[in-house]
């Protein structure tokens, strides 16, 4: 009973941040302080509809394209560039500017939740 309550609490907390939990893999999502950071592509880079190599490709950004980074999730950045937005692999982005919150502090929010499936 306690495990079920704990799982429900994790789901409620994750849901309040717009994250859907599954029991198969941890979810790590980090909003960028004050909304965004900037960076540039180090190679010609595919922009995808979701943070996965199997997600549909929206377009390809040329090398050295400046991007605005809004979120990180499991090695992916949610970015916008040239009126296109989507997900790119973070290993091909060099971050050049990290903004801070209005109170002058910067930080990172990480939620890594991997609860076991319910056993009956």
Protein backbone atom coordinates (compact mmCIF):
# COMPACT_ATOMS: atom_id res chain seq x y z
CA UNK A 1 0.00 0.00 0.00
CA UNK A 2 2.81 2.43 0.87
CA UNK A 3 4.55 1.69 -2.45
CA UNK A 4 1.38 2.46 -4.39
CA UNK A 5 0.99 5.80 -2.54
CA UNK A 6 4.65 6.66 -3.25
CA UNK A 7 4.22 5.87 -6.97
CA UNK A 8 1.07 7.99 -7.10
CA UNK A 9 2.96 10.88 -5.44
CA UNK A 10 5.84 10.62 -7.96
CA UNK A 11 3.37 10.63 -10.82
CA UNK A 12 1.56 13.68 -9.41
CA UNK A 13 4.80 15.59 -8.92
CA UNK A 14 6.10 14.68 -12.38
CA UNK A 15 2.74 15.54 -13.94
CA UNK A 16 2.88 19.03 -12.41
CA UNK A 17 6.10 19.56 -14.43
CA UNK A 18 4.59 18.17 -17.62
CA UNK A 19 6.46 14.86 -17.39
CA UNK A 20 4.85 11.46 -17.90
CA UNK A 21 6.45 8.65 -15.93
CA UNK A 22 6.97 5.11 -17.07
CA UNK A 23 8.39 2.26 -15.06
CA UNK A 24 10.89 1.30 -17.77
CA UNK A 25 13.37 4.20 -17.65
CA UNK A 26 14.26 7.20 -15.51
CA UNK A 27 13.07 10.60 -16.66
CA UNK A 28 15.56 13.44 -16.42
CA UNK A 29 14.31 16.82 -17.53
CA UNK A 30 15.97 20.14 -16.78
CA UNK A 31 14.30 23.46 -17.56
CA UNK A 32 16.85 26.14 -18.41
CA UNK A 33 16.97 29.06 -15.94
CA UNK A 34 14.85 32.04 -16.94
CA UNK A 35 13.59 30.29 -20.06
CA UNK A 36 16.58 29.82 -22.34
CA UNK A 37 20.27 29.60 -23.13
CA UNK A 38 22.05 29.91 -26.45
CA UNK A 39 24.47 27.68 -28.26
CA UNK A 40 25.53 26.61 -31.72
CA UNK A 41 25.61 23.38 -33.68
CA UNK A 42 29.02 21.73 -34.04
CA UNK A 43 27.90 19.65 -37.05
CA UNK A 44 25.00 19.55 -39.48
CA UNK A 45 22.27 18.40 -37.08
CA UNK A 46 18.84 16.77 -37.38
CA UNK A 47 15.97 18.45 -35.53
CA UNK A 48 13.39 15.90 -34.34
CA UNK A 49 9.81 15.96 -33.06
CA UNK A 50 10.75 14.21 -29.79
CA UNK A 51 13.96 13.49 -27.83
CA UNK A 52 14.73 10.21 -29.61
CA UNK A 53 16.70 9.08 -32.67
CA UNK A 54 13.57 7.25 -33.82
CA UNK A 55 11.42 10.41 -33.74
CA UNK A 56 10.48 12.02 -37.04
CA UNK A 57 13.02 14.45 -38.48
CA UNK A 58 11.70 18.00 -38.92
CA UNK A 59 14.73 19.46 -40.69
CA UNK A 60 18.53 19.60 -40.58
CA UNK A 61 20.36 22.63 -39.16
CA UNK A 62 23.68 23.54 -40.80
CA UNK A 63 26.90 23.52 -38.77
CA UNK A 64 27.44 26.71 -36.69
CA UNK A 65 23.71 27.52 -36.52
CA UNK A 66 22.85 29.54 -33.41
CA UNK A 67 20.10 27.89 -31.37
CA UNK A 68 18.06 28.90 -28.34
CA UNK A 69 17.97 26.07 -25.79
CA UNK A 70 14.80 25.77 -23.69
CA UNK A 71 15.07 22.39 -21.98
CA UNK A 72 17.29 19.33 -21.59
CA UNK A 73 16.08 15.76 -21.35
CA UNK A 74 18.19 12.59 -21.26
CA UNK A 75 20.95 13.95 -23.52
CA UNK A 76 18.68 16.02 -25.77
CA UNK A 77 18.00 19.77 -26.00
CA UNK A 78 14.65 21.31 -26.95
CA UNK A 79 15.75 24.17 -29.21
CA UNK A 80 14.53 26.83 -31.60
CA UNK A 81 16.42 28.25 -34.58
CA UNK A 82 15.32 30.06 -37.73
CA UNK A 83 11.62 29.73 -36.74
CA UNK A 84 12.02 25.94 -36.37
CA UNK A 85 11.71 24.21 -33.01
CA UNK A 86 12.30 20.64 -31.93
CA UNK A 87 14.77 18.30 -30.24
CA UNK A 88 18.47 17.82 -31.01
CA UNK A 89 21.19 15.65 -29.50
CA UNK A 90 23.03 17.72 -26.89
CA UNK A 91 26.40 16.21 -27.81
CA UNK A 92 26.42 18.30 -31.00
CA UNK A 93 25.61 21.65 -29.35
CA UNK A 94 28.16 23.94 -27.71
CA UNK A 95 26.42 26.08 -25.10
CA UNK A 96 27.66 29.66 -25.27
CA UNK A 97 25.37 31.56 -22.92
CA UNK A 98 23.48 30.44 -19.82
CA UNK A 99 20.96 32.90 -18.43
CA UNK A 100 20.18 33.32 -14.76
CA UNK A 101 16.88 33.70 -12.95
CA UNK A 102 15.56 37.18 -12.07
CA UNK A 103 16.83 36.76 -8.48
CA UNK A 104 20.39 36.46 -9.86
CA UNK A 105 20.71 32.76 -9.10
CA UNK A 106 21.03 29.97 -11.60
CA UNK A 107 20.36 26.34 -10.96
CA UNK A 108 19.18 23.04 -12.27
CA UNK A 109 16.08 21.02 -11.54
CA UNK A 110 16.45 17.31 -12.12
CA UNK A 111 13.85 14.64 -11.58
CA UNK A 112 15.17 11.11 -11.90
CA UNK A 113 12.38 8.76 -11.03
CA UNK A 114 12.50 5.04 -11.64
CA UNK A 115 10.02 3.24 -9.47
CA UNK A 116 9.47 -0.51 -9.71
CA UNK A 117 6.31 -1.77 -11.39
CA UNK A 118 3.55 -2.95 -9.08
CA UNK A 119 3.66 -6.64 -8.33
CA UNK A 120 0.45 -8.47 -7.71
